[in-house]
Amino acid sequence: EGRKAVADSTLPRLGSLQDLNDIVTKEAIDEVWIAFPGESLAERAQYQLRHLPVSIRLVIDCFAFKQSKFLSLNTVAGIPTLDFSVSPLHGINRYIKEIEDRFFAFIILTLISPLLLLLAIGVKFSSPGPVFYRQERVGWNNRSFTILKFRSMPVDAEAKTGAVWAKPGEQRATRFGAFLRRTSLDELPQLINVLRGDMSLVGPRPERPDFVEVFKEQVPNYMKKHMVKAGITGWAQVNGWRGDTDLNRRIEHDLYYIQHWSIWFDLEIAFRTVLTGFINKNAY
């Protein structure tokens, strides 16, 4: 198969592996790139070139991982690795983000506690039922947790339908609940989730288990979003990819965030959320 691939390409075939030494000497080649897929062939090529003063480069078969958004070269304990699915939030970075999340969540909850009380009263008077809406979501490492929101719908809104994807124009929410959704104020109780350690302030938005089972088969790399904790806001949301929008674009933004995470990136997303994120055409 390897010979046929070379023969079909536009590159000239100078000979076989056994001819390598003679070819390098005859053509005065000063650099050799080894692109054999098999480890044994690469070792044989290096062995044959051991007596020649040429630079040798080994081409890693990156095409085998072409679907990965995380492809990068790294060194672990002196061992070269090709990383194609590694979260930046490990080691010290993970602890930094934990401290960042809980510190700011505590400060924000303290500052907005009067607003939370008013919103809770509004929910209580809008329809019978509890103030908070509790729902199972999938988060970091595929672990389920209970997300908190201000209740925006009647208690039995999904009793007959089960899990339903929110779409524009639907009439399930109460009048006050529609206001909460439109302004995203229904999400504020998730600051409690952040204090508990279930969520981060910034990260990919979590979905319900029923939807995750469907999306993981439809969207490449969908489950990679669970390499970090879910967030109240995220890179996808501040760029308009929330609600009933293209799921592939949302995941692209989530993966970009994971790959490029930094404290400054988190602060940028948080700042943009404060400026534009609370009222959004795709919030309903």
Protein backbone atom coordinates (compact mmCIF):
# COMPACT_ATOMS: atom_id res chain seq x y z
CA GLU A 1 0.00 0.00 0.00
CA GLY A 2 2.85 2.37 0.84
CA ARG A 3 4.53 1.76 -2.53
CA LYS A 4 1.31 2.32 -4.43
CA ALA A 5 0.67 5.59 -2.56
CA VAL A 6 4.13 6.86 -3.50
CA ALA A 7 3.74 5.76 -7.10
CA ASP A 8 0.40 7.55 -7.40
CA SER A 9 1.72 10.82 -5.95
CA THR A 10 3.41 13.66 -7.82
CA LEU A 11 6.68 13.10 -5.94
CA PRO A 12 9.38 11.10 -7.75
CA ARG A 13 10.23 7.73 -6.30
CA LEU A 14 14.00 7.46 -5.99
CA GLY A 15 14.14 3.93 -4.65
CA SER A 16 13.30 1.66 -1.74
CA LEU A 17 14.30 1.80 1.90
CA GLN A 18 17.31 -0.38 1.11
CA ASP A 19 18.56 2.29 -1.32
CA LEU A 20 18.35 5.12 1.23
CA ASN A 21 22.07 5.43 1.99
CA ASP A 22 23.06 5.49 -1.67
CA ILE A 23 20.36 8.04 -2.52
CA VAL A 24 21.38 10.40 0.30
CA THR A 25 25.03 10.22 -0.73
CA LYS A 26 24.43 10.53 -4.48
CA GLU A 27 21.98 13.42 -4.26
CA ALA A 28 23.97 15.25 -1.53
CA ILE A 29 20.88 15.34 0.68
CA ASP A 30 21.40 17.13 4.01
CA GLU A 31 17.99 16.55 5.60
CA VAL A 32 15.76 13.47 5.63
CA TRP A 33 12.12 13.42 6.69
CA ILE A 34 10.81 10.04 7.84
CA ALA A 35 7.07 9.71 7.29
CA PHE A 36 6.52 5.96 7.58
CA PRO A 37 3.35 5.02 9.52
CA GLY A 38 4.99 1.98 11.11
CA GLU A 39 7.42 2.28 14.02
CA SER A 40 9.64 -0.55 12.69
CA LEU A 41 10.11 1.14 9.30
CA ALA A 42 11.03 4.44 10.96
CA GLU A 43 13.59 2.67 13.13
CA ARG A 44 15.09 0.91 10.10
CA ALA A 45 15.41 4.22 8.25
CA GLN A 46 17.14 5.86 11.21
CA TYR A 47 19.47 2.88 11.55
CA GLN A 48 20.52 3.05 7.90
CA LEU A 49 21.28 6.76 8.22
CA ARG A 50 23.31 6.40 11.42
CA HIS A 51 26.66 6.92 9.66
CA LEU A 52 25.59 9.89 7.52
CA PRO A 53 25.80 13.56 8.64
CA VAL A 54 22.19 14.40 7.80
CA SER A 55 19.42 15.99 9.82
CA ILE A 56 16.55 13.61 10.48
CA ARG A 57 12.96 14.63 11.13
CA LEU A 58 10.17 12.22 12.05
CA VAL A 59 6.75 13.20 10.69
CA ILE A 60 4.03 12.21 13.14
CA ASP A 61 0.87 10.81 11.58
CA CYS A 62 -1.33 13.72 12.65
CA PHE A 63 -3.97 12.82 10.07
CA ALA A 64 -5.04 9.92 12.27
CA PHE A 65 -6.26 12.53 14.75
CA LYS A 66 -7.63 15.09 12.29
CA GLN A 67 -10.95 15.35 14.15
CA SER A 68 -9.26 16.55 17.31
CA LYS A 69 -9.34 20.22 18.33
CA PHE A 70 -6.56 19.66 20.86
CA LEU A 71 -3.66 18.39 18.75
CA SER A 72 -0.35 19.63 20.12
CA LEU A 73 3.18 18.43 20.85
CA ASN A 74 4.30 18.18 24.45
CA THR A 75 6.93 16.65 26.71
CA VAL A 76 5.96 14.77 29.86
CA ALA A 77 8.77 13.68 32.20
CA GLY A 78 11.20 13.97 29.31
CA ILE A 79 9.03 11.81 27.05
CA PRO A 80 7.72 13.47 23.85
CA THR A 81 3.97 13.09 23.43
CA LEU A 82 1.36 14.02 20.85
CA ASP A 83 -1.51 15.44 22.88
CA PHE A 84 -4.84 15.25 21.11
CA SER A 85 -7.29 15.35 24.01
CA VAL A 86 -5.81 17.11 27.03
CA SER A 87 -7.52 19.76 29.14
CA PRO A 88 -5.43 22.79 30.14
CA LEU A 89 -7.25 22.79 33.48
CA HIS A 90 -5.11 20.30 35.33
CA GLY A 91 -2.57 20.65 38.10
CA ILE A 92 -2.15 24.20 39.38
CA ASN A 93 -4.49 25.62 36.71
CA ARG A 94 -7.39 23.64 38.10
CA TYR A 95 -6.85 25.01 41.62
CA ILE A 96 -6.48 28.56 40.30
CA LYS A 97 -9.83 28.33 38.53
CA GLU A 98 -11.47 26.80 41.63
CA ILE A 99 -10.29 29.72 43.77
CA GLU A 100 -11.30 32.24 41.11
CA ASP A 101 -14.80 30.73 40.81
CA ARG A 102 -15.62 30.51 44.49
CA PHE A 103 -14.13 33.89 45.39
CA PHE A 104 -16.08 35.80 42.74
CA ALA A 105 -19.25 33.76 43.27
CA PHE A 106 -19.24 34.64 46.98
CA ILE A 107 -18.64 38.34 46.26
CA ILE A 108 -21.38 38.48 43.61
CA LEU A 109 -23.91 36.60 45.77
CA THR A 110 -23.25 39.00 48.64
CA LEU A 111 -23.70 42.06 46.44
CA ILE A 112 -26.86 40.91 44.67
CA SER A 113 -28.61 39.26 47.64
CA PRO A 114 -31.30 42.01 47.79
CA LEU A 115 -32.03 41.45 44.08
CA LEU A 116 -32.25 37.69 44.61
CA LEU A 117 -34.78 38.23 47.39
CA LEU A 118 -36.96 40.41 45.15
CA LEU A 119 -36.80 37.89 42.31
CA ALA A 120 -37.70 35.05 44.69
CA ILE A 121 -40.77 36.98 45.85
CA GLY A 122 -41.74 37.59 42.22
CA VAL A 123 -41.48 33.88 41.41
CA LYS A 124 -43.53 32.93 44.47
CA PHE A 125 -46.36 35.28 43.52
CA SER A 126 -46.30 34.43 39.80
CA SER A 127 -47.58 30.84 40.18
CA PRO A 128 -47.93 28.13 42.84
CA GLY A 129 -44.82 26.11 43.53
CA PRO A 130 -41.25 26.38 44.80
CA VAL A 131 -38.99 29.36 44.09
CA PHE A 132 -36.18 27.25 42.64
CA TYR A 133 -36.34 24.92 39.67
CA ARG A 134 -34.04 21.91 40.09
CA GLN A 135 -32.93 19.91 37.10
CA GLU A 136 -30.33 17.23 36.38
CA ARG A 137 -27.49 18.34 34.10
CA VAL A 138 -24.25 16.73 32.90
CA GLY A 139 -21.04 18.48 33.90
CA TRP A 140 -17.34 17.90 34.42
CA ASN A 141 -16.13 14.35 33.71
CA ASN A 142 -19.68 13.36 32.62
CA ARG A 143 -20.89 13.65 36.21
CA SER A 144 -24.51 14.61 36.81
CA PHE A 145 -25.44 17.41 39.18
CA THR A 146 -28.56 19.34 40.10
CA ILE A 147 -28.65 22.79 38.56
CA LEU A 148 -30.58 25.62 40.23
CA LYS A 149 -32.67 28.25 38.48
CA PHE A 150 -35.45 30.58 39.44
CA ARG A 151 -38.59 28.74 38.37
CA SER A 152 -39.98 30.32 35.21
CA MET A 153 -42.70 27.77 34.31
CA PRO A 154 -45.67 26.19 36.08
CA VAL A 155 -44.66 23.14 38.12
CA ASP A 156 -46.29 20.64 35.72
CA ALA A 157 -45.09 22.27 32.46
CA GLU A 158 -43.23 19.14 31.28
CA ALA A 159 -45.36 16.52 32.99
CA LYS A 160 -46.74 15.19 29.68
CA THR A 161 -43.97 16.09 27.22
CA GLY A 162 -40.81 15.24 29.16
CA ALA A 163 -37.60 17.07 28.28
CA VAL A 164 -38.29 19.72 25.63
CA TRP A 165 -35.69 21.93 23.89
CA ALA A 166 -36.52 25.61 24.50
CA LYS A 167 -37.57 27.37 21.30
CA PRO A 168 -38.66 30.94 20.48
CA GLY A 169 -42.38 31.64 20.67
CA GLU A 170 -43.23 28.90 23.15
CA GLN A 171 -45.82 29.73 25.79
CA ARG A 172 -44.75 27.50 28.69
CA ALA A 173 -43.32 30.26 30.89
CA THR A 174 -45.34 32.42 33.26
CA ARG A 175 -45.39 36.16 32.57
CA PHE A 176 -42.79 36.82 35.26
CA GLY A 177 -40.88 33.72 34.18
CA ALA A 178 -40.71 35.01 30.61
CA PHE A 179 -39.13 38.21 31.95
CA LEU A 180 -36.59 36.17 33.92
CA ARG A 181 -35.66 34.14 30.85
CA ARG A 182 -35.45 37.13 28.54
CA THR A 183 -33.02 38.85 30.90
CA SER A 184 -31.27 35.59 31.96
CA LEU A 185 -31.95 36.49 35.60
CA ASP A 186 -33.31 32.97 36.10
CA GLU A 187 -29.68 31.75 35.91
CA LEU A 188 -28.48 33.71 38.97
CA PRO A 189 -29.09 30.89 41.51
CA GLN A 190 -26.36 28.95 39.71
CA LEU A 191 -23.92 31.04 41.71
CA ILE A 192 -24.85 28.61 44.50
CA ASN A 193 -23.83 25.76 42.19
CA VAL A 194 -20.47 27.48 41.76
CA LEU A 195 -19.97 27.74 45.53
CA ARG A 196 -20.83 24.06 45.85
CA GLY A 197 -18.21 23.18 43.25
CA ASP A 198 -20.71 21.83 40.70
CA MET A 199 -20.07 24.61 38.18
CA SER A 200 -17.72 27.42 37.19
CA LEU A 201 -18.58 31.03 36.50
CA VAL A 202 -17.26 30.58 32.95
CA GLY A 203 -17.41 27.37 30.92
CA PRO A 204 -19.54 25.41 28.45
CA ARG A 205 -23.24 25.44 29.28
CA PRO A 206 -24.47 22.09 30.67
CA GLU A 207 -27.27 20.10 29.05
CA ARG A 208 -29.79 17.58 30.31
CA PRO A 209 -28.81 13.90 30.12
CA ASP A 210 -31.51 13.16 27.50
CA PHE A 211 -30.07 15.79 25.16
CA VAL A 212 -26.47 14.74 25.82
CA GLU A 213 -27.25 11.18 24.68
CA VAL A 214 -28.57 12.56 21.38
CA PHE A 215 -25.97 15.27 20.78
CA LYS A 216 -22.93 13.06 21.42
CA GLU A 217 -23.92 10.97 18.38
CA GLN A 218 -24.65 13.98 16.16
CA VAL A 219 -21.85 16.44 16.93
CA PRO A 220 -18.14 15.53 16.61
CA ASN A 221 -16.20 16.04 19.85
CA TYR A 222 -19.37 16.98 21.73
CA MET A 223 -18.30 15.17 24.90
CA LYS A 224 -15.02 17.11 25.03
CA LYS A 225 -16.95 19.98 26.60
CA HIS A 226 -17.12 17.90 29.78
CA MET A 227 -13.34 18.09 30.22
CA VAL A 228 -14.00 21.22 32.29
CA LYS A 229 -16.78 22.28 34.64
CA ALA A 230 -19.92 23.71 33.12
CA GLY A 231 -20.32 27.48 33.39
CA ILE A 232 -23.03 30.04 34.01
CA THR A 233 -21.77 31.87 30.94
CA GLY A 234 -19.31 30.93 28.23
CA TRP A 235 -17.48 31.87 25.04
CA ALA A 236 -20.34 30.51 22.93
CA GLN A 237 -22.95 32.52 24.83
CA VAL A 238 -21.21 35.91 24.60
CA ASN A 239 -20.82 35.34 20.86
CA GLY A 240 -24.55 34.78 20.40
CA TRP A 241 -24.54 30.96 20.26
CA ARG A 242 -27.12 30.15 22.89
CA GLY A 243 -30.68 28.88 22.94
CA ASP A 244 -31.98 27.33 19.71
CA THR A 245 -28.85 28.05 17.62
CA ASP A 246 -26.45 25.90 15.59
CA LEU A 247 -25.11 23.27 17.97
CA ASN A 248 -21.95 22.66 15.95
CA ARG A 249 -20.97 26.33 16.22
CA ARG A 250 -21.63 26.29 19.95
CA ILE A 251 -19.38 23.28 20.44
CA GLU A 252 -16.67 24.91 18.29
CA HIS A 253 -16.71 27.88 20.65
CA ASP A 254 -16.72 25.63 23.73
CA LEU A 255 -13.69 23.71 22.47
CA TYR A 256 -11.91 26.95 21.58
CA TYR A 257 -12.46 28.15 25.16
CA ILE A 258 -11.11 24.92 26.65
CA GLN A 259 -8.05 24.95 24.42
CA HIS A 260 -7.23 28.62 25.07
CA TRP A 261 -8.28 28.91 28.71
CA SER A 262 -6.62 31.51 30.90
CA ILE A 263 -7.70 33.72 33.79
CA TRP A 264 -7.70 36.70 31.42
CA PHE A 265 -9.93 34.84 28.98
CA ASP A 266 -12.37 34.12 31.83
CA LEU A 267 -12.36 37.80 32.82
CA GLU A 268 -12.99 38.86 29.22
CA ILE A 269 -16.00 36.55 28.95
CA ALA A 270 -17.34 37.69 32.32
CA PHE A 271 -16.96 41.35 31.31
CA ARG A 272 -18.74 40.77 28.00
CA THR A 273 -21.51 38.92 29.83
CA VAL A 274 -22.11 41.90 32.10
CA LEU A 275 -22.23 44.25 29.10
CA THR A 276 -24.28 42.20 26.65
CA GLY A 277 -25.09 38.78 28.03
CA PHE A 278 -28.12 39.42 30.20
CA ILE A 279 -30.41 40.51 27.38
CA ASN A 280 -30.03 38.41 24.26
CA LYS A 281 -32.29 37.72 21.28
CA ASN A 282 -31.72 33.99 21.77
CA ALA A 283 -32.74 34.00 25.45
CA TYR A 284 -36.28 32.65 25.88
